[in-house]
Amino acid sequence: MTEASVDTLAQLAIALPIDAIQAFCQRWQIAELAVLGSILRDDFDANSDVDFLYVLKPNIRWSWRDLLQAEAELAQLLDRKVDLVGKISIEQSRNWLRKRNILSSTKVVYDTTNRGET
């Protein structure tokens, strides 16, 4: 894990099981996984869900069923509700303000895009 990722993990409201998240990302062919929302703010509490932004590896596509299964698996890992949102859906949003706010306030917790992994 890089120094930047250790710094990122220290900024989160809860500890994430990073080894389990890495295995999850490898299983689901996720190239990048980032957190956003209340997990990065002071208003995160026991009832808060964890919001994730994901990027799939090249040539990988998920069905709705895949998305729901991945979301359920990640929720079980964290023992709380999670929301998985594709980064591409945010990047393609017509709402530029929402897009800017979301993309500028994420913290990457898993990333293979800069390591040449496939």
C-alpha atoms as a PDB file:
ATOM      1  CA  MET A   1       0.000   0.000   0.000  1.00  0.00           C
ATOM      2  CA  THR A   2       1.342   3.426  -0.869  1.00  0.00           C
ATOM      3  CA  GLU A   3       1.925   6.187   1.638  1.00  0.00           C
ATOM      4  CA  ALA A   4      -0.915   8.161   0.061  1.00  0.00           C
ATOM      5  CA  SER A   5      -3.358   5.322   0.694  1.00  0.00           C
ATOM      6  CA  VAL A   6      -2.276   5.048   4.329  1.00  0.00           C
ATOM      7  CA  ASP A   7      -2.896   8.800   4.705  1.00  0.00           C
ATOM      8  CA  THR A   8      -6.287   8.397   3.036  1.00  0.00           C
ATOM      9  CA  LEU A   9      -7.321   5.571   5.360  1.00  0.00           C
ATOM     10  CA  ALA A  10      -6.370   7.660   8.392  1.00  0.00           C
ATOM     11  CA  GLN A  11      -8.820  10.368   7.250  1.00  0.00           C
ATOM     12  CA  LEU A  12     -11.859   8.068   7.230  1.00  0.00           C
ATOM     13  CA  ALA A  13     -14.553   8.081   9.924  1.00  0.00           C
ATOM     14  CA  ILE A  14     -14.303   4.278  10.325  1.00  0.00           C
ATOM     15  CA  ALA A  15     -11.593   1.740   9.705  1.00  0.00           C
ATOM     16  CA  LEU A  16     -12.055  -0.203   6.492  1.00  0.00           C
ATOM     17  CA  PRO A  17     -10.969  -3.859   6.229  1.00  0.00           C
ATOM     18  CA  ILE A  18      -8.496  -3.027   3.468  1.00  0.00           C
ATOM     19  CA  ASP A  19      -7.339  -6.612   2.828  1.00  0.00           C
ATOM     20  CA  ALA A  20     -10.943  -7.748   2.406  1.00  0.00           C
ATOM     21  CA  ILE A  21     -11.673  -4.746   0.177  1.00  0.00           C
ATOM     22  CA  GLN A  22      -8.660  -5.565  -2.003  1.00  0.00           C
ATOM     23  CA  ALA A  23      -9.880  -9.162  -2.376  1.00  0.00           C
ATOM     24  CA  PHE A  24     -13.397  -7.873  -3.129  1.00  0.00           C
ATOM     25  CA  CYS A  25     -12.058  -5.560  -5.853  1.00  0.00           C
ATOM     26  CA  GLN A  26     -10.019  -8.340  -7.421  1.00  0.00           C
ATOM     27  CA  ARG A  27     -13.006 -10.716  -7.389  1.00  0.00           C
ATOM     28  CA  TRP A  28     -15.318  -8.146  -8.970  1.00  0.00           C
ATOM     29  CA  GLN A  29     -12.737  -6.847 -11.487  1.00  0.00           C
ATOM     30  CA  ILE A  30     -12.686  -3.345  -9.998  1.00  0.00           C
ATOM     31  CA  ALA A  31      -9.734  -1.208 -11.064  1.00  0.00           C
ATOM     32  CA  GLU A  32     -10.414   1.675  -8.687  1.00  0.00           C
ATOM     33  CA  LEU A  33     -12.576   2.078  -5.605  1.00  0.00           C
ATOM     34  CA  ALA A  34     -13.032   5.355  -3.749  1.00  0.00           C
ATOM     35  CA  VAL A  35     -15.123   6.483  -0.810  1.00  0.00           C
ATOM     36  CA  LEU A  36     -17.146   9.665  -0.729  1.00  0.00           C
ATOM     37  CA  GLY A  37     -19.838  11.311   1.319  1.00  0.00           C
ATOM     38  CA  SER A  38     -20.321  11.212   5.064  1.00  0.00           C
ATOM     39  CA  ILE A  39     -17.481   8.743   5.739  1.00  0.00           C
ATOM     40  CA  LEU A  40     -15.194  11.700   4.989  1.00  0.00           C
ATOM     41  CA  ARG A  41     -17.081  14.160   7.185  1.00  0.00           C
ATOM     42  CA  ASP A  42     -17.822  14.764  10.851  1.00  0.00           C
ATOM     43  CA  ASP A  43     -21.512  13.872  10.475  1.00  0.00           C
ATOM     44  CA  PHE A  44     -20.805  10.144   9.917  1.00  0.00           C
ATOM     45  CA  ASP A  45     -22.466   8.022  12.611  1.00  0.00           C
ATOM     46  CA  ALA A  46     -23.538   4.459  13.405  1.00  0.00           C
ATOM     47  CA  ASN A  47     -26.527   4.754  11.052  1.00  0.00           C
ATOM     48  CA  SER A  48     -24.594   6.186   8.110  1.00  0.00           C
ATOM     49  CA  ASP A  49     -24.084   4.186   4.965  1.00  0.00           C
ATOM     50  CA  VAL A  50     -20.788   4.138   3.090  1.00  0.00           C
ATOM     51  CA  ASP A  51     -20.769   5.512  -0.437  1.00  0.00           C
ATOM     52  CA  PHE A  52     -18.307   4.096  -2.955  1.00  0.00           C
ATOM     53  CA  LEU A  53     -17.369   5.186  -6.464  1.00  0.00           C
ATOM     54  CA  TYR A  54     -15.995   2.384  -8.630  1.00  0.00           C
ATOM     55  CA  VAL A  55     -14.224   1.954 -11.958  1.00  0.00           C
ATOM     56  CA  LEU A  56     -14.247  -1.479 -13.572  1.00  0.00           C
ATOM     57  CA  LYS A  57     -11.251  -2.940 -15.349  1.00  0.00           C
ATOM     58  CA  PRO A  58     -11.213  -2.496 -19.145  1.00  0.00           C
ATOM     59  CA  ASN A  59     -13.719  -4.633 -21.064  1.00  0.00           C
ATOM     60  CA  ILE A  60     -15.575  -5.619 -17.880  1.00  0.00           C
ATOM     61  CA  ARG A  61     -19.304  -4.941 -17.692  1.00  0.00           C
ATOM     62  CA  TRP A  62     -21.714  -5.575 -14.854  1.00  0.00           C
ATOM     63  CA  SER A  63     -25.393  -6.414 -15.067  1.00  0.00           C
ATOM     64  CA  TRP A  64     -27.824  -4.922 -12.547  1.00  0.00           C
ATOM     65  CA  ARG A  65     -27.692  -8.255 -10.744  1.00  0.00           C
ATOM     66  CA  ASP A  66     -23.887  -8.020 -10.521  1.00  0.00           C
ATOM     67  CA  LEU A  67     -24.155  -4.525  -9.061  1.00  0.00           C
ATOM     68  CA  LEU A  68     -26.669  -5.642  -6.448  1.00  0.00           C
ATOM     69  CA  GLN A  69     -24.586  -8.698  -5.524  1.00  0.00           C
ATOM     70  CA  ALA A  70     -21.385  -6.652  -5.258  1.00  0.00           C
ATOM     71  CA  GLU A  71     -23.184  -4.072  -3.131  1.00  0.00           C
ATOM     72  CA  ALA A  72     -24.542  -6.800  -0.821  1.00  0.00           C
ATOM     73  CA  GLU A  73     -21.113  -8.401  -0.477  1.00  0.00           C
ATOM     74  CA  LEU A  74     -19.460  -5.087   0.358  1.00  0.00           C
ATOM     75  CA  ALA A  75     -22.221  -4.276   2.865  1.00  0.00           C
ATOM     76  CA  GLN A  76     -21.560  -7.595   4.574  1.00  0.00           C
ATOM     77  CA  LEU A  77     -17.821  -6.831   4.757  1.00  0.00           C
ATOM     78  CA  LEU A  78     -18.513  -3.490   6.430  1.00  0.00           C
ATOM     79  CA  ASP A  79     -21.555  -4.585   8.428  1.00  0.00           C
ATOM     80  CA  ARG A  80     -23.492  -1.544   7.207  1.00  0.00           C
ATOM     81  CA  LYS A  81     -25.419  -0.364   4.166  1.00  0.00           C
ATOM     82  CA  VAL A  82     -23.333   0.697   1.183  1.00  0.00           C
ATOM     83  CA  ASP A  83     -24.018   2.419  -2.101  1.00  0.00           C
ATOM     84  CA  LEU A  84     -21.888   1.580  -5.143  1.00  0.00           C
ATOM     85  CA  VAL A  85     -21.918   4.161  -7.917  1.00  0.00           C
ATOM     86  CA  GLY A  86     -20.051   3.874 -11.198  1.00  0.00           C
ATOM     87  CA  LYS A  87     -17.624   6.735 -11.713  1.00  0.00           C
ATOM     88  CA  ILE A  88     -18.559   6.835 -15.394  1.00  0.00           C
ATOM     89  CA  SER A  89     -22.175   7.649 -14.508  1.00  0.00           C
ATOM     90  CA  ILE A  90     -20.999  10.668 -12.530  1.00  0.00           C
ATOM     91  CA  GLU A  91     -18.563  11.734 -15.254  1.00  0.00           C
ATOM     92  CA  GLN A  92     -21.376  11.607 -17.818  1.00  0.00           C
ATOM     93  CA  SER A  93     -23.845  13.508 -15.657  1.00  0.00           C
ATOM     94  CA  ARG A  94     -25.334  16.648 -17.180  1.00  0.00           C
ATOM     95  CA  ASN A  95     -25.393  18.225 -13.739  1.00  0.00           C
ATOM     96  CA  TRP A  96     -21.934  19.809 -13.751  1.00  0.00           C
ATOM     97  CA  LEU A  97     -22.232  21.046 -10.167  1.00  0.00           C
ATOM     98  CA  ARG A  98     -23.046  17.571  -8.818  1.00  0.00           C
ATOM     99  CA  LYS A  99     -20.286  16.087 -10.970  1.00  0.00           C
ATOM    100  CA  ARG A 100     -17.710  18.589  -9.732  1.00  0.00           C
ATOM    101  CA  ASN A 101     -18.723  18.179  -6.087  1.00  0.00           C
ATOM    102  CA  ILE A 102     -18.618  14.381  -6.180  1.00  0.00           C
ATOM    103  CA  LEU A 103     -15.428  13.958  -8.201  1.00  0.00           C
ATOM    104  CA  SER A 104     -13.533  16.510  -6.114  1.00  0.00           C
ATOM    105  CA  SER A 105     -14.476  14.919  -2.794  1.00  0.00           C
ATOM    106  CA  THR A 106     -13.483  11.265  -3.140  1.00  0.00           C
ATOM    107  CA  LYS A 107     -10.679   9.352  -1.452  1.00  0.00           C
ATOM    108  CA  VAL A 108      -9.283   6.354  -3.323  1.00  0.00           C
ATOM    109  CA  VAL A 109      -8.961   3.209  -1.185  1.00  0.00           C
ATOM    110  CA  TYR A 110      -8.026   0.755  -3.957  1.00  0.00           C
ATOM    111  CA  ASP A 111      -6.328   1.520  -7.267  1.00  0.00           C
ATOM    112  CA  THR A 112      -4.686  -0.701  -9.861  1.00  0.00           C
ATOM    113  CA  THR A 113      -4.834   1.878 -12.651  1.00  0.00           C
ATOM    114  CA  ASN A 114      -1.341   3.217 -11.951  1.00  0.00           C
ATOM    115  CA  ARG A 115       0.297  -0.172 -11.421  1.00  0.00           C
ATOM    116  CA  GLY A 116      -0.279  -1.711 -14.816  1.00  0.00           C
ATOM    117  CA  GLU A 117      -2.361  -4.574 -13.387  1.00  0.00           C
ATOM    118  CA  THR A 118      -5.057  -6.213 -15.472  1.00  0.00           C
END
